[in-house]
Every structure is written in structure tokens, then in C-alpha cells.
């Protein structure tokens, strides 16, 4: 029996979500590029956040702009803050092993 690899596309739809008036009290936790999909799935499950995508404009050194699709996890402020702390605690634990 083979295990299915989790992909970012499993979390996201095809298009950027448009916020309506009913989402005014929701906040987004922007996931930095390079975060493993398994960690994103873990955060979604643990904190019951809704995954969405957001396109932001970015540029390279010569000033050429391009749209970059980012993952955001949406929820109430308190939950998003707890998820953010958890995300950076995991980063600290993983990077901490290289300090010696």
C-alpha cells in the first residue's frame, strides 16, 4: 500500500479567493515559501484554519515585477497568532540542532 504524498495543491483551489464582507473579522497567516507541505497540513489540522492562496507582487533586482502565489491560513485573530507562534517554534527547534 503506497502513501499519498501531500502537495500544496491539495490545500488550495485554482484561483485567489476574494474576501467578502463576512470575512472582515478573519486574519491571514502568510506561510513563507519553502515550508514543507506536511507542516502546513499539520497546522491546518491542529488549529482548524482555512487554507487559501494570495497573489502578491514581487520583484527581482532589475525591477521586473511578477505575481507570486503564497499560501495563507485564515482564521480568527487568536487562533492565527497561536498558529504563528507554533510555526516559528517548529522552525526554532529544527534550526536549533545546527547551533552546536
PDB file of N, CA and C in Angstrom:
ATOM      1  N   UNK A   1       0.845  -1.186   0.000  1.00  0.00           N
ATOM      2  CA  UNK A   1       0.000   0.000   0.000  1.00  0.00           C
ATOM      3  C   UNK A   1       0.883   1.240   0.000  1.00  0.00           C
ATOM      4  N   UNK A   2       0.733   2.098  -0.969  1.00  0.00           N
ATOM      5  CA  UNK A   2       1.569   3.296  -1.047  1.00  0.00           C
ATOM      6  C   UNK A   2       0.852   4.479  -0.413  1.00  0.00           C
ATOM      7  N   UNK A   3       1.648   5.338   0.198  1.00  0.00           N
ATOM      8  CA  UNK A   3       1.101   6.526   0.832  1.00  0.00           C
ATOM      9  C   UNK A   3       1.044   7.657  -0.181  1.00  0.00           C
ATOM     10  N   UNK A   4       0.010   8.468  -0.080  1.00  0.00           N
ATOM     11  CA  UNK A   4      -0.118   9.622  -0.959  1.00  0.00           C
ATOM     12  C   UNK A   4       0.736  10.751  -0.405  1.00  0.00           C
ATOM     13  N   UNK A   5       1.577  11.334  -1.237  1.00  0.00           N
ATOM     14  CA  UNK A   5       2.357  12.487  -0.834  1.00  0.00           C
ATOM     15  C   UNK A   5       1.462  13.711  -0.815  1.00  0.00           C
ATOM     16  N   UNK A   6       1.582  14.492   0.234  1.00  0.00           N
ATOM     17  CA  UNK A   6       0.791  15.701   0.349  1.00  0.00           C
ATOM     18  C   UNK A   6       1.404  16.791  -0.512  1.00  0.00           C
ATOM     19  N   UNK A   7       0.584  17.425  -1.287  1.00  0.00           N
ATOM     20  CA  UNK A   7       1.021  18.502  -2.160  1.00  0.00           C
ATOM     21  C   UNK A   7       0.316  19.792  -1.758  1.00  0.00           C
ATOM     22  N   UNK A   8       0.925  20.911  -2.097  1.00  0.00           N
ATOM     23  CA  UNK A   8       0.326  22.204  -1.811  1.00  0.00           C
ATOM     24  C   UNK A   8      -1.025  22.320  -2.513  1.00  0.00           C
ATOM     25  N   UNK A   9      -1.140  21.779  -3.692  1.00  0.00           N
ATOM     26  CA  UNK A   9      -2.389  21.851  -4.452  1.00  0.00           C
ATOM     27  C   UNK A   9      -3.529  21.153  -3.719  1.00  0.00           C
ATOM     28  N   UNK A  10      -3.213  20.226  -2.812  1.00  0.00           N
ATOM     29  CA  UNK A  10      -4.250  19.583  -2.014  1.00  0.00           C
ATOM     30  C   UNK A  10      -4.941  20.575  -1.092  1.00  0.00           C
ATOM     31  N   UNK A  11      -4.247  21.649  -0.744  1.00  0.00           N
ATOM     32  CA  UNK A  11      -4.786  22.655   0.159  1.00  0.00           C
ATOM     33  C   UNK A  11      -5.535  23.758  -0.570  1.00  0.00           C
ATOM     34  N   UNK A  12      -5.118  24.067  -1.771  1.00  0.00           N
ATOM     35  CA  UNK A  12      -5.571  25.287  -2.433  1.00  0.00           C
ATOM     36  C   UNK A  12      -6.464  25.014  -3.616  1.00  0.00           C
ATOM     37  N   UNK A  13      -7.290  26.000  -3.915  1.00  0.00           N
ATOM     38  CA  UNK A  13      -8.058  25.978  -5.144  1.00  0.00           C
ATOM     39  C   UNK A  13      -7.223  26.589  -6.257  1.00  0.00           C
ATOM     40  N   UNK A  14      -7.841  26.777  -7.410  1.00  0.00           N
ATOM     41  CA  UNK A  14      -7.121  27.310  -8.556  1.00  0.00           C
ATOM     42  C   UNK A  14      -6.982  28.827  -8.531  1.00  0.00           C
ATOM     43  N   UNK A  15      -7.963  29.517  -7.996  1.00  0.00           N
ATOM     44  CA  UNK A  15      -7.972  30.969  -8.063  1.00  0.00           C
ATOM     45  C   UNK A  15      -7.824  31.588  -6.687  1.00  0.00           C
ATOM     46  N   UNK A  16      -7.341  32.822  -6.694  1.00  0.00           N
ATOM     47  CA  UNK A  16      -7.244  33.582  -5.449  1.00  0.00           C
ATOM     48  C   UNK A  16      -8.652  33.854  -4.938  1.00  0.00           C
ATOM     49  N   UNK A  17      -8.835  33.667  -3.644  1.00  0.00           N
ATOM     50  CA  UNK A  17     -10.140  33.906  -3.039  1.00  0.00           C
ATOM     51  C   UNK A  17     -10.373  35.394  -2.874  1.00  0.00           C
ATOM     52  N   UNK A  18     -11.585  35.808  -3.091  1.00  0.00           N
ATOM     53  CA  UNK A  18     -11.960  37.200  -2.918  1.00  0.00           C
ATOM     54  C   UNK A  18     -12.660  37.313  -1.570  1.00  0.00           C
ATOM     55  N   UNK A  19     -12.185  38.239  -0.737  1.00  0.00           N
ATOM     56  CA  UNK A  19     -12.795  38.435   0.568  1.00  0.00           C
ATOM     57  C   UNK A  19     -14.111  39.185   0.407  1.00  0.00           C
ATOM     58  N   UNK A  20     -15.115  38.737   1.125  1.00  0.00           N
ATOM     59  CA  UNK A  20     -16.360  39.480   1.149  1.00  0.00           C
ATOM     60  C   UNK A  20     -16.559  40.077   2.532  1.00  0.00           C
ATOM     61  N   UNK A  21     -17.666  40.737   2.741  1.00  0.00           N
ATOM     62  CA  UNK A  21     -17.897  41.430   3.997  1.00  0.00           C
ATOM     63  C   UNK A  21     -17.946  40.487   5.188  1.00  0.00           C
ATOM     64  N   UNK A  22     -18.325  39.240   4.988  1.00  0.00           N
ATOM     65  CA  UNK A  22     -18.457  38.304   6.105  1.00  0.00           C
ATOM     66  C   UNK A  22     -17.106  37.856   6.658  1.00  0.00           C
ATOM     67  N   UNK A  23     -16.007  38.164   5.978  1.00  0.00           N
ATOM     68  CA  UNK A  23     -14.683  37.739   6.442  1.00  0.00           C
ATOM     69  C   UNK A  23     -13.889  38.879   7.064  1.00  0.00           C
ATOM     70  N   UNK A  24     -14.547  39.976   7.412  1.00  0.00           N
ATOM     71  CA  UNK A  24     -13.835  41.128   7.953  1.00  0.00           C
ATOM     72  C   UNK A  24     -13.103  40.819   9.256  1.00  0.00           C
ATOM     73  N   UNK A  25     -13.608  39.919  10.071  1.00  0.00           N
ATOM     74  CA  UNK A  25     -13.004  39.604  11.355  1.00  0.00           C
ATOM     75  C   UNK A  25     -11.978  38.477  11.262  1.00  0.00           C
ATOM     76  N   UNK A  26     -11.643  38.061  10.062  1.00  0.00           N
ATOM     77  CA  UNK A  26     -10.679  36.988   9.880  1.00  0.00           C
ATOM     78  C   UNK A  26      -9.306  37.559   9.552  1.00  0.00           C
ATOM     79  N   UNK A  27      -8.287  36.819   9.931  1.00  0.00           N
ATOM     80  CA  UNK A  27      -6.900  37.231   9.723  1.00  0.00           C
ATOM     81  C   UNK A  27      -6.185  36.150   8.934  1.00  0.00           C
ATOM     82  N   UNK A  28      -5.126  36.547   8.228  1.00  0.00           N
ATOM     83  CA  UNK A  28      -4.343  35.613   7.428  1.00  0.00           C
ATOM     84  C   UNK A  28      -2.963  35.418   8.028  1.00  0.00           C
ATOM     85  N   UNK A  29      -2.556  34.165   8.121  1.00  0.00           N
ATOM     86  CA  UNK A  29      -1.185  33.812   8.464  1.00  0.00           C
ATOM     87  C   UNK A  29      -0.508  33.461   7.147  1.00  0.00           C
ATOM     88  N   UNK A  30       0.433  34.295   6.710  1.00  0.00           N
ATOM     89  CA  UNK A  30       1.139  34.051   5.452  1.00  0.00           C
ATOM     90  C   UNK A  30       2.227  33.019   5.713  1.00  0.00           C
ATOM     91  N   UNK A  31       2.202  31.952   4.940  1.00  0.00           N
ATOM     92  CA  UNK A  31       3.192  30.887   5.080  1.00  0.00           C
ATOM     93  C   UNK A  31       4.386  31.225   4.197  1.00  0.00           C
ATOM     94  N   UNK A  32       5.589  31.300   4.778  1.00  0.00           N
ATOM     95  CA  UNK A  32       6.768  31.617   3.970  1.00  0.00           C
ATOM     96  C   UNK A  32       7.035  30.535   2.919  1.00  0.00           C
ATOM     97  N   UNK A  33       7.502  30.934   1.747  1.00  0.00           N
ATOM     98  CA  UNK A  33       7.854  29.935   0.731  1.00  0.00           C
ATOM     99  C   UNK A  33       8.885  28.951   1.286  1.00  0.00           C
ATOM    100  N   UNK A  34       8.736  27.688   0.941  1.00  0.00           N
ATOM    101  CA  UNK A  34       9.682  26.666   1.367  1.00  0.00           C
ATOM    102  C   UNK A  34       9.252  25.874   2.582  1.00  0.00           C
ATOM    103  N   UNK A  35       8.145  26.250   3.209  1.00  0.00           N
ATOM    104  CA  UNK A  35       7.652  25.488   4.357  1.00  0.00           C
ATOM    105  C   UNK A  35       7.115  24.154   3.836  1.00  0.00           C
ATOM    106  N   UNK A  36       7.523  23.035   4.444  1.00  0.00           N
ATOM    107  CA  UNK A  36       7.064  21.723   3.964  1.00  0.00           C
ATOM    108  C   UNK A  36       5.536  21.598   4.007  1.00  0.00           C
ATOM    109  N   UNK A  37       4.982  20.958   2.987  1.00  0.00           N
ATOM    110  CA  UNK A  37       3.535  20.763   2.920  1.00  0.00           C
ATOM    111  C   UNK A  37       3.018  19.994   4.130  1.00  0.00           C
ATOM    112  N   UNK A  38       3.814  19.072   4.644  1.00  0.00           N
ATOM    113  CA  UNK A  38       3.373  18.298   5.806  1.00  0.00           C
ATOM    114  C   UNK A  38       3.178  19.194   7.026  1.00  0.00           C
ATOM    115  N   UNK A  39       4.028  20.205   7.198  1.00  0.00           N
ATOM    116  CA  UNK A  39       3.882  21.140   8.312  1.00  0.00           C
ATOM    117  C   UNK A  39       2.651  22.023   8.113  1.00  0.00           C
ATOM    118  N   UNK A  40       2.392  22.423   6.884  1.00  0.00           N
ATOM    119  CA  UNK A  40       1.196  23.224   6.600  1.00  0.00           C
ATOM    120  C   UNK A  40      -0.060  22.417   6.920  1.00  0.00           C
ATOM    121  N   UNK A  41      -0.099  21.156   6.495  1.00  0.00           N
ATOM    122  CA  UNK A  41      -1.237  20.293   6.799  1.00  0.00           C
ATOM    123  C   UNK A  41      -1.403  20.122   8.307  1.00  0.00           C
ATOM    124  N   UNK A  42      -0.297  19.980   9.009  1.00  0.00           N
ATOM    125  CA  UNK A  42      -0.329  19.834  10.468  1.00  0.00           C
ATOM    126  C   UNK A  42      -0.956  21.067  11.119  1.00  0.00           C
ATOM    127  N   UNK A  43      -0.559  22.252  10.680  1.00  0.00           N
ATOM    128  CA  UNK A  43      -1.090  23.497  11.241  1.00  0.00           C
ATOM    129  C   UNK A  43      -2.579  23.643  10.919  1.00  0.00           C
ATOM    130  N   UNK A  44      -2.959  23.311   9.696  1.00  0.00           N
ATOM    131  CA  UNK A  44      -4.371  23.386   9.301  1.00  0.00           C
ATOM    132  C   UNK A  44      -5.210  22.480  10.197  1.00  0.00           C
ATOM    133  N   UNK A  45      -4.747  21.259  10.418  1.00  0.00           N
ATOM    134  CA  UNK A  45      -5.500  20.306  11.231  1.00  0.00           C
ATOM    135  C   UNK A  45      -5.513  20.705  12.706  1.00  0.00           C
ATOM    136  N   UNK A  46      -4.360  21.104  13.230  1.00  0.00           N
ATOM    137  CA  UNK A  46      -4.232  21.426  14.652  1.00  0.00           C
ATOM    138  C   UNK A  46      -5.044  22.659  15.044  1.00  0.00           C
ATOM    139  N   UNK A  47      -5.023  23.693  14.194  1.00  0.00           N
ATOM    140  CA  UNK A  47      -5.645  24.965  14.549  1.00  0.00           C
ATOM    141  C   UNK A  47      -6.951  25.239  13.802  1.00  0.00           C
ATOM    142  N   UNK A  48      -7.348  24.300  12.951  1.00  0.00           N
ATOM    143  CA  UNK A  48      -8.596  24.409  12.194  1.00  0.00           C
ATOM    144  C   UNK A  48      -8.685  25.718  11.415  1.00  0.00           C
ATOM    145  N   UNK A  49      -7.600  26.029  10.702  1.00  0.00           N
ATOM    146  CA  UNK A  49      -7.555  27.217   9.860  1.00  0.00           C
ATOM    147  C   UNK A  49      -7.932  26.835   8.434  1.00  0.00           C
ATOM    148  N   UNK A  50      -8.430  27.801   7.691  1.00  0.00           N
ATOM    149  CA  UNK A  50      -8.817  27.582   6.301  1.00  0.00           C
ATOM    150  C   UNK A  50      -7.681  27.999   5.367  1.00  0.00           C
ATOM    151  N   UNK A  51      -7.166  27.062   4.559  1.00  0.00           N
ATOM    152  CA  UNK A  51      -6.102  27.433   3.612  1.00  0.00           C
ATOM    153  C   UNK A  51      -6.670  28.163   2.395  1.00  0.00           C
ATOM    154  N   UNK A  52      -5.956  29.189   1.991  1.00  0.00           N
ATOM    155  CA  UNK A  52      -6.306  29.973   0.807  1.00  0.00           C
ATOM    156  C   UNK A  52      -5.000  30.368   0.131  1.00  0.00           C
ATOM    157  N   UNK A  53      -5.113  30.923  -1.067  1.00  0.00           N
ATOM    158  CA  UNK A  53      -3.918  31.459  -1.695  1.00  0.00           C
ATOM    159  C   UNK A  53      -4.099  32.942  -1.946  1.00  0.00           C
ATOM    160  N   UNK A  54      -2.986  33.608  -2.047  1.00  0.00           N
ATOM    161  CA  UNK A  54      -2.988  35.053  -2.262  1.00  0.00           C
ATOM    162  C   UNK A  54      -1.841  35.361  -3.209  1.00  0.00           C
ATOM    163  N   UNK A  55      -2.102  36.169  -4.204  1.00  0.00           N
ATOM    164  CA  UNK A  55      -1.067  36.569  -5.147  1.00  0.00           C
ATOM    165  C   UNK A  55      -0.560  37.945  -4.733  1.00  0.00           C
ATOM    166  N   UNK A  56       0.747  38.030  -4.526  1.00  0.00           N
ATOM    167  CA  UNK A  56       1.366  39.308  -4.181  1.00  0.00           C
ATOM    168  C   UNK A  56       2.370  39.665  -5.270  1.00  0.00           C
ATOM    169  N   UNK A  57       2.548  40.954  -5.485  1.00  0.00           N
ATOM    170  CA  UNK A  57       3.529  41.399  -6.465  1.00  0.00           C
ATOM    171  C   UNK A  57       4.902  41.423  -5.823  1.00  0.00           C
ATOM    172  N   UNK A  58       5.869  40.902  -6.534  1.00  0.00           N
ATOM    173  CA  UNK A  58       7.241  40.866  -6.059  1.00  0.00           C
ATOM    174  C   UNK A  58       8.141  41.302  -7.206  1.00  0.00           C
ATOM    175  N   UNK A  59       9.408  41.519  -6.907  1.00  0.00           N
ATOM    176  CA  UNK A  59      10.314  41.922  -7.973  1.00  0.00           C
ATOM    177  C   UNK A  59      11.688  41.314  -7.744  1.00  0.00           C
ATOM    178  N   UNK A  60      12.466  41.318  -8.801  1.00  0.00           N
ATOM    179  CA  UNK A  60      13.856  40.883  -8.742  1.00  0.00           C
ATOM    180  C   UNK A  60      14.732  42.126  -8.800  1.00  0.00           C
ATOM    181  N   UNK A  61      16.035  41.952  -8.750  1.00  0.00           N
ATOM    182  CA  UNK A  61      16.950  43.093  -8.675  1.00  0.00           C
ATOM    183  C   UNK A  61      16.763  44.129  -9.768  1.00  0.00           C
ATOM    184  N   UNK A  62      16.506  43.697 -10.985  1.00  0.00           N
ATOM    185  CA  UNK A  62      16.416  44.657 -12.085  1.00  0.00           C
ATOM    186  C   UNK A  62      15.054  45.351 -12.159  1.00  0.00           C
ATOM    187  N   UNK A  63      14.186  45.109 -11.166  1.00  0.00           N
ATOM    188  CA  UNK A  63      12.914  45.801 -11.103  1.00  0.00           C
ATOM    189  C   UNK A  63      11.785  45.140 -11.861  1.00  0.00           C
ATOM    190  N   UNK A  64      12.014  43.955 -12.414  1.00  0.00           N
ATOM    191  CA  UNK A  64      10.948  43.254 -13.119  1.00  0.00           C
ATOM    192  C   UNK A  64       9.970  42.671 -12.098  1.00  0.00           C
ATOM    193  N   UNK A  65       8.690  43.024 -12.228  1.00  0.00           N
ATOM    194  CA  UNK A  65       7.673  42.573 -11.287  1.00  0.00           C
ATOM    195  C   UNK A  65       7.006  41.297 -11.782  1.00  0.00           C
ATOM    196  N   UNK A  66       6.612  40.464 -10.838  1.00  0.00           N
ATOM    197  CA  UNK A  66       5.885  39.243 -11.162  1.00  0.00           C
ATOM    198  C   UNK A  66       4.961  38.907  -9.999  1.00  0.00           C
ATOM    199  N   UNK A  67       3.913  38.158 -10.298  1.00  0.00           N
ATOM    200  CA  UNK A  67       2.974  37.738  -9.261  1.00  0.00           C
ATOM    201  C   UNK A  67       3.477  36.462  -8.602  1.00  0.00           C
ATOM    202  N   UNK A  68       3.490  36.444  -7.286  1.00  0.00           N
ATOM    203  CA  UNK A  68       3.940  35.280  -6.539  1.00  0.00           C
ATOM    204  C   UNK A  68       2.767  34.741  -5.728  1.00  0.00           C
ATOM    205  N   UNK A  69       2.434  33.475  -5.922  1.00  0.00           N
ATOM    206  CA  UNK A  69       1.321  32.873  -5.208  1.00  0.00           C
ATOM    207  C   UNK A  69       1.811  32.380  -3.853  1.00  0.00           C
ATOM    208  N   UNK A  70       1.184  32.866  -2.789  1.00  0.00           N
ATOM    209  CA  UNK A  70       1.527  32.469  -1.426  1.00  0.00           C
ATOM    210  C   UNK A  70       0.351  31.756  -0.787  1.00  0.00           C
ATOM    211  N   UNK A  71       0.654  30.917   0.167  1.00  0.00           N
ATOM    212  CA  UNK A  71      -0.375  30.232   0.940  1.00  0.00           C
ATOM    213  C   UNK A  71      -0.663  31.063   2.179  1.00  0.00           C
ATOM    214  N   UNK A  72      -1.925  31.258   2.476  1.00  0.00           N
ATOM    215  CA  UNK A  72      -2.329  31.903   3.714  1.00  0.00           C
ATOM    216  C   UNK A  72      -3.316  30.985   4.418  1.00  0.00           C
ATOM    217  N   UNK A  73      -3.227  30.990   5.739  1.00  0.00           N
ATOM    218  CA  UNK A  73      -4.164  30.223   6.552  1.00  0.00           C
ATOM    219  C   UNK A  73      -5.037  31.223   7.282  1.00  0.00           C
ATOM    220  N   UNK A  74      -6.337  31.129   7.093  1.00  0.00           N
ATOM    221  CA  UNK A  74      -7.267  32.148   7.570  1.00  0.00           C
ATOM    222  C   UNK A  74      -8.049  31.651   8.776  1.00  0.00           C
ATOM    223  N   UNK A  75      -8.176  32.562   9.762  1.00  0.00           N
ATOM    224  CA  UNK A  75      -8.951  32.255  10.953  1.00  0.00           C
ATOM    225  C   UNK A  75      -9.088  33.481  11.821  1.00  0.00           C
ATOM    226  N   UNK A  76      -9.635  33.286  13.024  1.00  0.00           N
ATOM    227  CA  UNK A  76      -9.765  34.420  13.932  1.00  0.00           C
ATOM    228  C   UNK A  76      -8.383  34.811  14.450  1.00  0.00           C
ATOM    229  N   UNK A  77      -8.303  36.008  14.988  1.00  0.00           N
ATOM    230  CA  UNK A  77      -7.005  36.577  15.374  1.00  0.00           C
ATOM    231  C   UNK A  77      -6.248  35.709  16.381  1.00  0.00           C
ATOM    232  N   UNK A  78      -6.917  35.271  17.434  1.00  0.00           N
ATOM    233  CA  UNK A  78      -6.257  34.489  18.471  1.00  0.00           C
ATOM    234  C   UNK A  78      -5.695  33.173  17.918  1.00  0.00           C
ATOM    235  N   UNK A  79      -6.477  32.504  17.095  1.00  0.00           N
ATOM    236  CA  UNK A  79      -6.026  31.236  16.522  1.00  0.00           C
ATOM    237  C   UNK A  79      -4.849  31.446  15.575  1.00  0.00           C
ATOM    238  N   UNK A  80      -4.919  32.489  14.754  1.00  0.00           N
ATOM    239  CA  UNK A  80      -3.826  32.784  13.821  1.00  0.00           C
ATOM    240  C   UNK A  80      -2.549  33.122  14.592  1.00  0.00           C
ATOM    241  N   UNK A  81      -2.668  33.863  15.682  1.00  0.00           N
ATOM    242  CA  UNK A  81      -1.484  34.186  16.490  1.00  0.00           C
ATOM    243  C   UNK A  81      -0.881  32.930  17.126  1.00  0.00           C
ATOM    244  N   UNK A  82      -1.729  32.015  17.612  1.00  0.00           N
ATOM    245  CA  UNK A  82      -1.213  30.765  18.187  1.00  0.00           C
ATOM    246  C   UNK A  82      -0.538  29.909  17.112  1.00  0.00           C
ATOM    247  N   UNK A  83      -1.128  29.856  15.928  1.00  0.00           N
ATOM    248  CA  UNK A  83      -0.545  29.090  14.824  1.00  0.00           C
ATOM    249  C   UNK A  83       0.788  29.698  14.390  1.00  0.00           C
ATOM    250  N   UNK A  84       0.882  31.016  14.371  1.00  0.00           N
ATOM    251  CA  UNK A  84       2.128  31.693  14.020  1.00  0.00           C
ATOM    252  C   UNK A  84       3.225  31.348  15.020  1.00  0.00           C
ATOM    253  N   UNK A  85       2.889  31.386  16.300  1.00  0.00           N
ATOM    254  CA  UNK A  85       3.861  31.032  17.337  1.00  0.00           C
ATOM    255  C   UNK A  85       4.309  29.580  17.168  1.00  0.00           C
ATOM    256  N   UNK A  86       3.366  28.698  16.903  1.00  0.00           N
ATOM    257  CA  UNK A  86       3.691  27.282  16.702  1.00  0.00           C
ATOM    258  C   UNK A  86       4.632  27.114  15.509  1.00  0.00           C
ATOM    259  N   UNK A  87       4.325  27.781  14.411  1.00  0.00           N
ATOM    260  CA  UNK A  87       5.150  27.688  13.202  1.00  0.00           C
ATOM    261  C   UNK A  87       6.589  28.087  13.505  1.00  0.00           C
ATOM    262  N   UNK A  88       6.789  29.204  14.195  1.00  0.00           N
ATOM    263  CA  UNK A  88       8.141  29.660  14.475  1.00  0.00           C
ATOM    264  C   UNK A  88       8.816  28.836  15.566  1.00  0.00           C
ATOM    265  N   UNK A  89       8.045  28.245  16.478  1.00  0.00           N
ATOM    266  CA  UNK A  89       8.628  27.302  17.437  1.00  0.00           C
ATOM    267  C   UNK A  89       9.185  26.072  16.727  1.00  0.00           C
ATOM    268  N   UNK A  90       8.447  25.586  15.728  1.00  0.00           N
ATOM    269  CA  UNK A  90       8.926  24.444  14.937  1.00  0.00           C
ATOM    270  C   UNK A  90      10.201  24.828  14.194  1.00  0.00           C
ATOM    271  N   UNK A  91      10.222  26.025  13.591  1.00  0.00           N
ATOM    272  CA  UNK A  91      11.434  26.494  12.908  1.00  0.00           C
ATOM    273  C   UNK A  91      12.611  26.553  13.873  1.00  0.00           C
ATOM    274  N   UNK A  92      12.388  27.112  15.067  1.00  0.00           N
ATOM    275  CA  UNK A  92      13.458  27.220  16.066  1.00  0.00           C
ATOM    276  C   UNK A  92      13.987  25.840  16.456  1.00  0.00           C
ATOM    277  N   UNK A  93      13.096  24.879  16.649  1.00  0.00           N
ATOM    278  CA  UNK A  93      13.511  23.519  17.013  1.00  0.00           C
ATOM    279  C   UNK A  93      14.351  22.882  15.908  1.00  0.00           C
ATOM    280  N   UNK A  94      13.923  23.064  14.681  1.00  0.00           N
ATOM    281  CA  UNK A  94      14.631  22.438  13.550  1.00  0.00           C
ATOM    282  C   UNK A  94      15.986  23.088  13.286  1.00  0.00           C
ATOM    283  N   UNK A  95      16.059  24.391  13.449  1.00  0.00           N
ATOM    284  CA  UNK A  95      17.314  25.095  13.210  1.00  0.00           C
ATOM    285  C   UNK A  95      18.244  24.967  14.422  1.00  0.00           C
ATOM    286  N   UNK A  96      17.673  24.802  15.599  1.00  0.00           N
ATOM    287  CA  UNK A  96      18.462  24.710  16.822  1.00  0.00           C
ATOM    288  C   UNK A  96      19.467  23.578  16.827  1.00  0.00           C
ATOM    289  N   UNK A  97      19.210  22.528  16.105  1.00  0.00           N
ATOM    290  CA  UNK A  97      20.136  21.393  16.075  1.00  0.00           C
ATOM    291  C   UNK A  97      21.452  21.752  15.371  1.00  0.00           C
ATOM    292  N   UNK A  98      21.477  22.852  14.626  1.00  0.00           N
ATOM    293  CA  UNK A  98      22.702  23.256  13.926  1.00  0.00           C
ATOM    294  C   UNK A  98      23.552  24.229  14.700  1.00  0.00           C
ATOM    295  N   UNK A  99      23.112  24.624  15.900  1.00  0.00           N
ATOM    296  CA  UNK A  99      23.830  25.646  16.664  1.00  0.00           C
ATOM    297  C   UNK A  99      25.122  25.152  17.294  1.00  0.00           C
ATOM    298  N   UNK A 100      25.263  23.875  17.510  1.00  0.00           N
ATOM    299  CA  UNK A 100      26.471  23.354  18.179  1.00  0.00           C
ATOM    300  C   UNK A 100      27.657  23.416  17.320  1.00  0.00           C
TER     301      UNK A 100
END
